């Protein structure tokens, strides 16, 4: 699912490709895309969740699946669009579509499985409905 379902709330983050993102093949390195996936997830969480909620939660990645379609190059203006599926236990799946703004071409798409941890015990904890609601609410830059 490269684009969010209709009626799905999304978070959007603009990004400009800079020289530091470019590898020896003169395009954005694949590892950079993974870092952007994590960056947009973190920005969404910080934007959507109140501080007291964030203090009670720690998120860890369990799995990244990334499909690369088109290379990004220095100077490209991108938009990272993310949305979250309904939580299942301690896990939730986050989707990220990385699009070039000038033509809306999807450059990469990722599905990441996140696990919620208790900040004290470090053990997985069920995602409460209020956390799920925050993650699936519309916010964005």
C-alpha atoms as a PDB file:
ATOM      1  CA  UNK A   1       0.000   0.000   0.000  1.00  0.00           C
ATOM      2  CA  UNK A   2       2.122   2.868  -1.316  1.00  0.00           C
ATOM      3  CA  UNK A   3      -0.488   5.537  -0.566  1.00  0.00           C
ATOM      4  CA  UNK A   4      -2.657   5.838   2.530  1.00  0.00           C
ATOM      5  CA  UNK A   5      -6.166   4.427   2.390  1.00  0.00           C
ATOM      6  CA  UNK A   6      -8.942   6.936   1.783  1.00  0.00           C
ATOM      7  CA  UNK A   7     -10.017   8.585   5.060  1.00  0.00           C
ATOM      8  CA  UNK A   8      -6.732   7.595   6.736  1.00  0.00           C
ATOM      9  CA  UNK A   9      -5.156  10.356   8.816  1.00  0.00           C
ATOM     10  CA  UNK A  10      -1.540  11.090   7.849  1.00  0.00           C
ATOM     11  CA  UNK A  11       1.456  13.051   9.086  1.00  0.00           C
ATOM     12  CA  UNK A  12       3.554  14.896   6.500  1.00  0.00           C
ATOM     13  CA  UNK A  13       7.148  16.056   6.768  1.00  0.00           C
ATOM     14  CA  UNK A  14       9.005  17.989   4.062  1.00  0.00           C
ATOM     15  CA  UNK A  15      12.640  17.227   3.346  1.00  0.00           C
ATOM     16  CA  UNK A  16      15.254  18.516   0.903  1.00  0.00           C
ATOM     17  CA  UNK A  17      17.937  16.102  -0.283  1.00  0.00           C
ATOM     18  CA  UNK A  18      21.369  17.479   0.559  1.00  0.00           C
ATOM     19  CA  UNK A  19      24.901  16.447  -0.403  1.00  0.00           C
ATOM     20  CA  UNK A  20      25.310  14.462   2.832  1.00  0.00           C
ATOM     21  CA  UNK A  21      22.505  12.094   1.723  1.00  0.00           C
ATOM     22  CA  UNK A  22      24.267  11.178  -1.534  1.00  0.00           C
ATOM     23  CA  UNK A  23      26.407   8.070  -1.996  1.00  0.00           C
ATOM     24  CA  UNK A  24      29.089   7.105  -4.523  1.00  0.00           C
ATOM     25  CA  UNK A  25      26.359   6.328  -7.097  1.00  0.00           C
ATOM     26  CA  UNK A  26      25.221   9.984  -6.961  1.00  0.00           C
ATOM     27  CA  UNK A  27      21.825   9.238  -5.434  1.00  0.00           C
ATOM     28  CA  UNK A  28      20.412   8.908  -1.930  1.00  0.00           C
ATOM     29  CA  UNK A  29      21.893   5.909  -0.171  1.00  0.00           C
ATOM     30  CA  UNK A  30      19.394   3.215   0.887  1.00  0.00           C
ATOM     31  CA  UNK A  31      20.461   3.505   4.509  1.00  0.00           C
ATOM     32  CA  UNK A  32      19.448   7.180   4.423  1.00  0.00           C
ATOM     33  CA  UNK A  33      15.894   6.219   3.458  1.00  0.00           C
ATOM     34  CA  UNK A  34      15.696   3.977   6.542  1.00  0.00           C
ATOM     35  CA  UNK A  35      16.910   6.848   8.705  1.00  0.00           C
ATOM     36  CA  UNK A  36      14.213   9.104   7.201  1.00  0.00           C
ATOM     37  CA  UNK A  37      11.593   6.456   8.008  1.00  0.00           C
ATOM     38  CA  UNK A  38      12.682   6.609  11.635  1.00  0.00           C
ATOM     39  CA  UNK A  39      12.898  10.417  11.590  1.00  0.00           C
ATOM     40  CA  UNK A  40       9.320  10.873  10.348  1.00  0.00           C
ATOM     41  CA  UNK A  41       8.038   8.331  12.888  1.00  0.00           C
ATOM     42  CA  UNK A  42       9.779  10.224  15.689  1.00  0.00           C
ATOM     43  CA  UNK A  43       8.529  13.603  14.441  1.00  0.00           C
ATOM     44  CA  UNK A  44       4.971  12.287  14.211  1.00  0.00           C
ATOM     45  CA  UNK A  45       5.116  10.830  17.733  1.00  0.00           C
ATOM     46  CA  UNK A  46       6.527  14.050  19.194  1.00  0.00           C
ATOM     47  CA  UNK A  47       3.968  16.152  17.336  1.00  0.00           C
ATOM     48  CA  UNK A  48       0.961  14.035  18.255  1.00  0.00           C
ATOM     49  CA  UNK A  49       1.592  12.698  21.767  1.00  0.00           C
ATOM     50  CA  UNK A  50       1.535  14.902  24.859  1.00  0.00           C
ATOM     51  CA  UNK A  51       4.745  14.963  26.883  1.00  0.00           C
ATOM     52  CA  UNK A  52       3.282  12.920  29.753  1.00  0.00           C
ATOM     53  CA  UNK A  53       2.279  10.167  27.305  1.00  0.00           C
ATOM     54  CA  UNK A  54       5.704  10.174  25.661  1.00  0.00           C
ATOM     55  CA  UNK A  55       7.344   9.795  29.072  1.00  0.00           C
ATOM     56  CA  UNK A  56       5.458   6.522  29.607  1.00  0.00           C
ATOM     57  CA  UNK A  57       6.424   4.994  26.272  1.00  0.00           C
ATOM     58  CA  UNK A  58       9.522   3.725  24.520  1.00  0.00           C
ATOM     59  CA  UNK A  59       9.301   2.505  20.949  1.00  0.00           C
ATOM     60  CA  UNK A  60      11.639   0.017  19.293  1.00  0.00           C
ATOM     61  CA  UNK A  61      11.719  -1.214  15.718  1.00  0.00           C
ATOM     62  CA  UNK A  62      11.119  -4.912  15.241  1.00  0.00           C
ATOM     63  CA  UNK A  63      11.126  -4.941  11.452  1.00  0.00           C
ATOM     64  CA  UNK A  64      11.733  -2.650   8.473  1.00  0.00           C
ATOM     65  CA  UNK A  65      10.502  -3.571   4.999  1.00  0.00           C
ATOM     66  CA  UNK A  66      11.509  -1.049   2.344  1.00  0.00           C
ATOM     67  CA  UNK A  67      10.734  -0.998  -1.357  1.00  0.00           C
ATOM     68  CA  UNK A  68      12.852   1.349  -3.472  1.00  0.00           C
ATOM     69  CA  UNK A  69      11.307   2.524  -6.743  1.00  0.00           C
ATOM     70  CA  UNK A  70      13.067   5.658  -8.002  1.00  0.00           C
ATOM     71  CA  UNK A  71      16.319   7.308  -6.929  1.00  0.00           C
ATOM     72  CA  UNK A  72      16.366  10.682  -5.216  1.00  0.00           C
ATOM     73  CA  UNK A  73      19.191  13.072  -6.044  1.00  0.00           C
ATOM     74  CA  UNK A  74      20.699  16.158  -4.464  1.00  0.00           C
ATOM     75  CA  UNK A  75      18.293  19.085  -4.490  1.00  0.00           C
ATOM     76  CA  UNK A  76      15.106  16.995  -4.718  1.00  0.00           C
ATOM     77  CA  UNK A  77      12.272  18.284  -2.562  1.00  0.00           C
ATOM     78  CA  UNK A  78      10.554  15.360  -0.884  1.00  0.00           C
ATOM     79  CA  UNK A  79       7.569  14.754   1.326  1.00  0.00           C
ATOM     80  CA  UNK A  80       7.542  11.922   3.830  1.00  0.00           C
ATOM     81  CA  UNK A  81       3.971  10.791   4.470  1.00  0.00           C
ATOM     82  CA  UNK A  82       3.275   8.414   7.338  1.00  0.00           C
ATOM     83  CA  UNK A  83       0.248   6.675   8.785  1.00  0.00           C
ATOM     84  CA  UNK A  84      -0.289   3.955  11.353  1.00  0.00           C
ATOM     85  CA  UNK A  85      -2.477   0.856  11.296  1.00  0.00           C
ATOM     86  CA  UNK A  86      -4.593  -0.064  14.311  1.00  0.00           C
ATOM     87  CA  UNK A  87      -2.493  -1.429  17.163  1.00  0.00           C
ATOM     88  CA  UNK A  88      -2.344  -5.136  17.891  1.00  0.00           C
ATOM     89  CA  UNK A  89      -1.167  -5.836  21.421  1.00  0.00           C
ATOM     90  CA  UNK A  90       2.212  -4.170  21.901  1.00  0.00           C
ATOM     91  CA  UNK A  91       2.814  -3.802  18.160  1.00  0.00           C
ATOM     92  CA  UNK A  92       1.807  -1.337  15.515  1.00  0.00           C
ATOM     93  CA  UNK A  93       2.671  -1.091  11.845  1.00  0.00           C
ATOM     94  CA  UNK A  94       3.676   2.282  10.467  1.00  0.00           C
ATOM     95  CA  UNK A  95       3.680   3.045   6.762  1.00  0.00           C
ATOM     96  CA  UNK A  96       5.901   5.667   5.143  1.00  0.00           C
ATOM     97  CA  UNK A  97       5.621   6.850   1.562  1.00  0.00           C
ATOM     98  CA  UNK A  98       8.530   8.999   0.368  1.00  0.00           C
ATOM     99  CA  UNK A  99       7.425  11.161  -2.547  1.00  0.00           C
ATOM    100  CA  UNK A 100       9.119  13.719  -4.758  1.00  0.00           C
ATOM    101  CA  UNK A 101       7.005  16.880  -4.501  1.00  0.00           C
ATOM    102  CA  UNK A 102       7.371  18.158  -8.080  1.00  0.00           C
ATOM    103  CA  UNK A 103       5.691  15.131  -9.670  1.00  0.00           C
ATOM    104  CA  UNK A 104       4.280  13.196  -6.639  1.00  0.00           C
ATOM    105  CA  UNK A 105       6.345  10.182  -7.737  1.00  0.00           C
ATOM    106  CA  UNK A 106       6.729   7.602  -4.943  1.00  0.00           C
ATOM    107  CA  UNK A 107      10.465   7.008  -4.539  1.00  0.00           C
ATOM    108  CA  UNK A 108      10.281   4.520  -1.682  1.00  0.00           C
ATOM    109  CA  UNK A 109       7.740   2.894   0.567  1.00  0.00           C
ATOM    110  CA  UNK A 110       8.322   1.334   3.982  1.00  0.00           C
ATOM    111  CA  UNK A 111       6.361  -0.714   6.466  1.00  0.00           C
ATOM    112  CA  UNK A 112       7.880  -0.761   9.915  1.00  0.00           C
ATOM    113  CA  UNK A 113       6.680  -2.851  12.843  1.00  0.00           C
ATOM    114  CA  UNK A 114       7.150  -0.999  16.107  1.00  0.00           C
ATOM    115  CA  UNK A 115       6.869  -2.435  19.610  1.00  0.00           C
ATOM    116  CA  UNK A 116       5.876  -0.357  22.629  1.00  0.00           C
ATOM    117  CA  UNK A 117       8.024  -0.901  25.725  1.00  0.00           C
ATOM    118  CA  UNK A 118       7.461   0.041  29.323  1.00  0.00           C
ATOM    119  CA  UNK A 119      10.172   2.631  30.094  1.00  0.00           C
ATOM    120  CA  UNK A 120      10.928   1.140  33.537  1.00  0.00           C
ATOM    121  CA  UNK A 121      10.898  -2.608  32.908  1.00  0.00           C
ATOM    122  CA  UNK A 122      11.902  -2.487  29.246  1.00  0.00           C
ATOM    123  CA  UNK A 123       9.266  -5.133  28.530  1.00  0.00           C
ATOM    124  CA  UNK A 124       6.609  -4.916  25.829  1.00  0.00           C
ATOM    125  CA  UNK A 125       3.333  -3.370  26.938  1.00  0.00           C
ATOM    126  CA  UNK A 126      -0.055  -3.318  25.254  1.00  0.00           C
ATOM    127  CA  UNK A 127      -0.771  -0.171  23.267  1.00  0.00           C
ATOM    128  CA  UNK A 128      -3.613   1.538  25.107  1.00  0.00           C
ATOM    129  CA  UNK A 129      -6.547   2.872  23.064  1.00  0.00           C
ATOM    130  CA  UNK A 130      -5.574   6.480  23.845  1.00  0.00           C
ATOM    131  CA  UNK A 131      -2.075   5.894  22.422  1.00  0.00           C
ATOM    132  CA  UNK A 132      -3.537   4.245  19.334  1.00  0.00           C
ATOM    133  CA  UNK A 133      -5.885   7.207  18.898  1.00  0.00           C
ATOM    134  CA  UNK A 134      -3.003   9.696  19.130  1.00  0.00           C
ATOM    135  CA  UNK A 135      -0.993   7.762  16.524  1.00  0.00           C
ATOM    136  CA  UNK A 136      -3.914   7.634  14.142  1.00  0.00           C
ATOM    137  CA  UNK A 137      -4.936  11.278  14.536  1.00  0.00           C
ATOM    138  CA  UNK A 138      -4.174  13.909  11.909  1.00  0.00           C
ATOM    139  CA  UNK A 139      -1.233  16.152  12.654  1.00  0.00           C
ATOM    140  CA  UNK A 140       1.604  17.395  10.523  1.00  0.00           C
ATOM    141  CA  UNK A 141       3.889  20.177   9.461  1.00  0.00           C
END
